Amino acid sequence: MKIILGDNQFFGINHFDLAKGVQTKSKFLDLKSIRAFITDSLNLGMDGFMINSNSLGYRLISEYQFDDSKEIHYSIPYPHKYASMVNENGMMSLFSFIVKNTSWISNIKCGLKLVATQNLVHLTPLALDIEVPSTLSRGSYIYLQNIITDLLIGMKRFDIIEQFVISCVRKGYRPGLITLNPILLDREIRKFKKTVVRDLIVCFNINAEGFNVFPSLDAIEDYIESEHDYKLMGMSIFASGAANINESIEYIKSLKLDYVIFGTSQLRNVKSNMELLRS
């Protein structure tokens, strides 16, 4: 089981205690502090880290290099980035951003297909061009964030999800899907071509308390035990800080997970959690 450093602490996200999230964010006010914490965590033995495509995350991948033996897990898109861009500088700033960060070939191909078919699936390759820095090493994981994955599940637009997976593979990356509905998603992934799901990771909530585990803890445990052609990653394994760490880790170790991801603002927690997970 590989252990990945999460990024919630960098951006003040805590689903159980909002005040604690804000307090944690104060420790990571610039790119230098985030990079230092990630580097120190990797040096302690973490297998990789996840970062989302907000402005700091994009710059982190664009401006810094990391140990090639460690995995980078990069999640897209970051909707607030575009809302802020338009609110602060108008629609032209968004248009300029799209032109600057995509190739004309991609724009023309996707644009023509979109106009001809009016099918949003043709925006997927363009989204990868916009959101992913050219400096992200091939073989890294690119995830569709759960706010998008689950919206598409609700809309029954599994074709767009499949196109995202295919586009990642074609561009030399490995695909990931973050979701709160892994069981519904699994039913559709089983219809995808096996060649494109070989390196796919599905990331979902799992913890002993059942905190934000949907549709139920028992159902997700059964899902984990079933056979898959893709990998499984457990997130929120400490129930956003509401759980007993030792008991949580013993529970997680009992499950058939390929990856776990957790965030913390303390290097001592990185070290102790990692040692317990690997003991």
Protein backbone atom coordinates (compact mmCIF):
# COMPACT_ATOMS: atom_id res chain seq x y z
CA MET A 1 0.00 0.00 0.00
CA LYS A 2 1.44 3.36 -1.08
CA ILE A 3 1.11 6.41 1.16
CA ILE A 4 0.44 9.84 -0.38
CA LEU A 5 0.59 13.25 1.29
CA GLY A 6 -2.66 15.17 0.87
CA ASP A 7 -2.98 18.93 0.39
CA ASN A 8 -5.96 20.02 2.53
CA GLN A 9 -3.67 21.53 5.16
CA PHE A 10 -2.14 23.88 2.60
CA PHE A 11 -5.48 25.43 1.71
CA GLY A 12 -7.30 25.47 5.05
CA ILE A 13 -9.69 22.61 4.32
CA ASN A 14 -11.03 20.61 7.26
CA HIS A 15 -14.47 19.03 6.77
CA PHE A 16 -14.95 18.43 10.51
CA ASP A 17 -13.56 21.65 12.03
CA LEU A 18 -13.53 24.79 9.84
CA ALA A 19 -11.69 26.87 12.45
CA LYS A 20 -8.92 24.29 12.63
CA GLY A 21 -8.63 24.39 8.86
CA VAL A 22 -8.11 28.16 8.89
CA GLN A 23 -5.53 27.85 11.64
CA THR A 24 -3.62 25.20 9.72
CA LYS A 25 -3.59 27.27 6.54
CA SER A 26 -1.74 30.06 8.38
CA LYS A 27 1.35 27.82 8.45
CA PHE A 28 1.47 27.68 4.66
CA LEU A 29 1.15 31.23 3.41
CA ASP A 30 3.53 30.97 0.47
CA LEU A 31 4.85 28.54 -2.12
CA LYS A 32 8.17 28.15 -0.37
CA SER A 33 6.61 26.80 2.84
CA ILE A 34 4.42 24.35 0.91
CA ARG A 35 7.32 23.09 -1.15
CA ALA A 36 9.51 22.67 1.95
CA PHE A 37 6.85 20.64 3.76
CA ILE A 38 6.29 18.37 0.74
CA THR A 39 10.02 17.84 0.28
CA ASP A 40 10.55 17.02 3.95
CA SER A 41 7.60 14.58 3.86
CA LEU A 42 8.98 12.81 0.81
CA ASN A 43 12.39 12.59 2.48
CA LEU A 44 10.71 10.89 5.44
CA GLY A 45 9.54 8.15 3.09
CA MET A 46 6.15 9.18 1.70
CA ASP A 47 5.55 7.66 -1.74
CA GLY A 48 4.28 10.89 -3.26
CA PHE A 49 2.02 13.89 -2.82
CA MET A 50 -1.22 15.31 -4.18
CA ILE A 51 -1.79 18.92 -5.10
CA ASN A 52 -4.74 20.57 -6.81
CA SER A 53 -4.64 22.98 -9.71
CA ASN A 54 -5.35 26.22 -7.88
CA SER A 55 -2.88 29.04 -8.49
CA LEU A 56 -0.40 27.84 -5.84
CA GLY A 57 -0.62 24.21 -6.96
CA TYR A 58 -0.12 25.14 -10.60
CA ARG A 59 2.91 27.27 -9.73
CA LEU A 60 4.35 24.56 -7.49
CA ILE A 61 4.43 22.06 -10.35
CA SER A 62 5.55 24.70 -12.86
CA GLU A 63 8.42 26.14 -10.83
CA TYR A 64 9.85 23.23 -8.84
CA GLN A 65 11.17 19.77 -9.52
CA PHE A 66 10.74 16.83 -7.18
CA ASP A 67 12.41 13.46 -6.75
CA ASP A 68 11.61 11.39 -9.87
CA SER A 69 11.16 8.28 -7.72
CA LYS A 70 8.17 9.91 -5.98
CA GLU A 71 4.68 10.10 -7.45
CA ILE A 72 2.88 13.35 -8.21
CA HIS A 73 -0.91 13.24 -8.00
CA TYR A 74 -2.42 16.37 -9.56
CA SER A 75 -6.17 17.08 -9.33
CA ILE A 76 -8.18 19.25 -11.74
CA PRO A 77 -10.06 21.47 -12.24
CA TYR A 78 -10.12 24.11 -9.52
CA PRO A 79 -13.41 25.98 -10.22
CA HIS A 80 -12.76 28.85 -7.78
CA LYS A 81 -9.69 29.82 -9.79
CA TYR A 82 -11.81 30.71 -12.82
CA ALA A 83 -14.49 32.45 -10.78
CA SER A 84 -11.84 34.65 -9.14
CA MET A 85 -10.20 35.34 -12.49
CA VAL A 86 -13.43 36.61 -14.00
CA ASN A 87 -14.53 38.53 -10.88
CA GLU A 88 -11.23 40.34 -10.56
CA ASN A 89 -10.28 40.98 -14.19
CA GLY A 90 -13.27 40.20 -16.39
CA MET A 91 -14.02 37.60 -19.07
CA MET A 92 -11.07 38.68 -21.24
CA SER A 93 -8.67 37.49 -18.58
CA LEU A 94 -10.22 34.02 -18.78
CA PHE A 95 -10.07 34.07 -22.57
CA SER A 96 -6.41 35.12 -22.48
CA PHE A 97 -5.64 32.36 -19.98
CA ILE A 98 -7.20 29.72 -22.25
CA VAL A 99 -5.32 30.93 -25.35
CA LYS A 100 -2.02 31.13 -23.46
CA ASN A 101 -2.27 27.66 -21.96
CA THR A 102 -3.55 25.62 -24.89
CA SER A 103 -2.25 24.89 -28.35
CA TRP A 104 -4.04 26.32 -31.36
CA ILE A 105 -4.39 22.79 -32.74
CA SER A 106 -6.24 21.69 -29.62
CA ASN A 107 -8.43 24.80 -29.72
CA ILE A 108 -9.39 24.26 -33.36
CA LYS A 109 -10.02 20.53 -33.08
CA CYS A 110 -12.04 20.75 -29.87
CA GLY A 111 -13.87 23.86 -31.00
CA LEU A 112 -14.95 22.38 -34.32
CA LYS A 113 -16.09 19.13 -32.74
CA LEU A 114 -17.96 21.02 -30.02
CA VAL A 115 -19.76 23.22 -32.53
CA ALA A 116 -20.56 20.30 -34.83
CA THR A 117 -21.86 17.94 -32.15
CA GLN A 118 -22.70 20.29 -29.24
CA ASN A 119 -21.23 17.54 -27.05
CA LEU A 120 -19.28 18.66 -23.99
CA VAL A 121 -17.13 15.54 -24.18
CA HIS A 122 -14.93 17.38 -26.69
CA LEU A 123 -13.91 19.91 -24.04
CA THR A 124 -12.07 17.25 -22.03
CA PRO A 125 -8.73 17.32 -23.92
CA LEU A 126 -8.82 21.12 -23.82
CA ALA A 127 -9.36 21.08 -20.05
CA LEU A 128 -6.22 18.98 -19.65
CA ASP A 129 -4.24 21.51 -21.70
CA ILE A 130 -5.54 24.38 -19.58
CA GLU A 131 -5.15 22.81 -16.15
CA VAL A 132 -1.96 20.77 -16.39
CA PRO A 133 1.45 22.50 -16.43
CA SER A 134 3.70 21.35 -19.25
CA THR A 135 6.35 20.64 -16.60
CA LEU A 136 4.28 17.87 -14.98
CA SER A 137 6.30 14.73 -15.68
CA ARG A 138 4.71 12.07 -17.83
CA GLY A 139 3.55 9.11 -15.79
CA SER A 140 2.15 11.36 -13.08
CA TYR A 141 -1.46 10.94 -11.99
CA ILE A 142 -4.10 13.46 -13.02
CA TYR A 143 -7.40 13.32 -11.12
CA LEU A 144 -10.83 14.65 -11.89
CA GLN A 145 -11.98 16.29 -8.65
CA ASN A 146 -15.09 14.90 -7.00
CA ILE A 147 -17.10 18.09 -7.52
CA ILE A 148 -16.89 17.39 -11.26
CA THR A 149 -16.87 13.58 -11.16
CA ASP A 150 -19.99 13.43 -9.02
CA LEU A 151 -21.76 16.12 -11.04
CA LEU A 152 -21.16 14.06 -14.18
CA ILE A 153 -22.37 10.91 -12.40
CA GLY A 154 -25.57 12.75 -11.47
CA MET A 155 -25.99 13.91 -15.07
CA LYS A 156 -25.28 10.36 -16.29
CA ARG A 157 -22.49 11.75 -18.48
CA PHE A 158 -20.20 8.79 -18.02
CA ASP A 159 -18.98 9.36 -21.59
CA ILE A 160 -17.21 12.52 -20.40
CA ILE A 161 -15.61 10.64 -17.50
CA GLU A 162 -14.40 7.94 -19.89
CA GLN A 163 -13.05 10.57 -22.28
CA PHE A 164 -11.11 12.14 -19.41
CA VAL A 165 -9.52 8.76 -18.64
CA ILE A 166 -8.70 8.18 -22.33
CA SER A 167 -7.26 11.69 -22.76
CA CYS A 168 -4.97 11.25 -19.74
CA VAL A 169 -3.61 7.99 -21.13
CA ARG A 170 -3.10 9.44 -24.61
CA LYS A 171 -1.12 12.34 -23.17
CA GLY A 172 1.17 10.00 -21.24
CA TYR A 173 -0.38 10.46 -17.79
CA ARG A 174 -2.17 8.04 -15.49
CA PRO A 175 -5.82 8.85 -14.73
CA GLY A 176 -7.54 9.25 -11.37
CA LEU A 177 -11.14 9.90 -10.34
CA ILE A 178 -12.09 11.35 -6.96
CA THR A 179 -15.67 10.62 -5.98
CA LEU A 180 -18.13 10.30 -3.11
CA ASN A 181 -20.01 7.70 -5.17
CA PRO A 182 -17.50 4.92 -5.94
CA ILE A 183 -20.15 2.19 -6.22
CA LEU A 184 -22.15 4.05 -8.89
CA LEU A 185 -18.93 4.95 -10.67
CA ASP A 186 -17.71 1.35 -10.57
CA ARG A 187 -20.75 0.14 -12.52
CA GLU A 188 -19.77 2.38 -15.42
CA ILE A 189 -16.01 1.87 -15.22
CA ARG A 190 -16.63 -1.82 -15.81
CA LYS A 191 -17.93 -0.81 -19.26
CA PHE A 192 -14.76 1.16 -20.10
CA LYS A 193 -12.00 -0.38 -22.21
CA LYS A 194 -9.68 -2.36 -19.96
CA THR A 195 -6.63 -0.87 -21.66
CA VAL A 196 -7.46 2.62 -20.33
CA VAL A 197 -8.35 1.63 -16.76
CA ARG A 198 -5.23 -0.42 -16.10
CA ASP A 199 -3.51 2.46 -14.31
CA LEU A 200 -6.69 4.20 -13.14
CA ILE A 201 -7.08 5.11 -9.45
CA VAL A 202 -10.48 5.72 -7.88
CA CYS A 203 -10.20 7.81 -4.71
CA PHE A 204 -13.02 7.84 -2.13
CA ASN A 205 -13.76 8.38 1.56
CA ILE A 206 -13.22 5.49 3.93
CA ASN A 207 -12.74 5.53 7.70
CA ALA A 208 -13.74 3.42 10.69
CA GLU A 209 -16.28 6.03 11.88
CA GLY A 210 -18.16 6.10 8.59
CA PHE A 211 -17.70 9.88 8.47
CA ASN A 212 -18.72 11.12 4.99
CA VAL A 213 -18.61 7.52 3.72
CA PHE A 214 -21.38 7.01 1.14
CA PRO A 215 -23.75 5.29 0.76
CA SER A 216 -22.73 3.41 3.93
CA LEU A 217 -19.65 1.96 5.58
CA ASP A 218 -20.82 -1.63 5.00
CA ALA A 219 -21.47 -0.96 1.31
CA ILE A 220 -18.04 0.59 0.79
CA GLU A 221 -16.34 -2.28 2.62
CA ASP A 222 -18.07 -4.71 0.24
CA TYR A 223 -17.02 -2.57 -2.71
CA ILE A 224 -13.38 -2.66 -1.59
CA GLU A 225 -13.50 -6.44 -1.25
CA SER A 226 -14.85 -6.91 -4.79
CA GLU A 227 -12.56 -7.36 -7.79
CA HIS A 228 -11.44 -4.36 -9.85
CA ASP A 229 -9.29 -3.73 -12.92
CA TYR A 230 -8.19 -0.45 -11.37
CA LYS A 231 -6.57 0.73 -8.13
CA LEU A 232 -8.29 1.99 -4.97
CA MET A 233 -7.24 4.97 -2.87
CA GLY A 234 -8.72 5.71 0.54
CA MET A 235 -9.03 9.33 1.64
CA SER A 236 -10.42 10.98 4.81
CA ILE A 237 -8.98 7.96 6.63
CA PHE A 238 -8.81 9.91 9.91
CA ALA A 239 -12.34 11.35 9.52
CA SER A 240 -10.92 14.90 9.27
CA GLY A 241 -9.30 14.60 12.69
CA ALA A 242 -12.34 13.24 14.51
CA ALA A 243 -10.97 9.72 14.92
CA ASN A 244 -8.52 7.88 17.12
CA ILE A 245 -5.36 7.66 15.00
CA ASN A 246 -4.20 4.21 16.12
CA GLU A 247 -7.63 2.63 15.72
CA SER A 248 -8.11 4.33 12.36
CA ILE A 249 -4.81 3.02 11.02
CA GLU A 250 -5.48 -0.53 12.19
CA TYR A 251 -8.82 -0.39 10.41
CA ILE A 252 -7.33 0.97 7.18
CA LYS A 253 -4.60 -1.69 7.21
CA SER A 254 -7.29 -4.37 7.26
CA LEU A 255 -8.68 -3.21 3.89
CA LYS A 256 -7.59 -4.11 0.35
CA LEU A 257 -6.45 -0.61 -0.62
CA ASP A 258 -3.65 0.17 -3.07
CA TYR A 259 -3.17 3.73 -1.82
CA VAL A 260 -4.05 5.88 1.16
CA ILE A 261 -3.82 9.64 1.34
CA PHE A 262 -3.80 11.88 4.38
CA GLY A 263 -2.98 15.48 5.14
CA THR A 264 -1.33 16.98 8.19
CA SER A 265 0.51 20.17 9.05
CA GLN A 266 3.00 18.43 11.35
CA LEU A 267 6.03 16.49 10.12
CA ARG A 268 5.98 14.41 13.29
CA ASN A 269 2.50 13.22 12.29
CA VAL A 270 3.75 12.35 8.82
CA LYS A 271 6.48 10.21 10.34
CA SER A 272 4.35 8.49 13.02
CA ASN A 273 1.37 7.80 10.74
CA MET A 274 3.59 6.41 8.04
CA GLU A 275 5.41 4.13 10.48
CA LEU A 276 2.10 2.81 11.84
CA LEU A 277 0.69 2.21 8.37
CA ARG A 278 3.77 0.23 7.39
CA SER A 279 4.20 -1.74 10.63
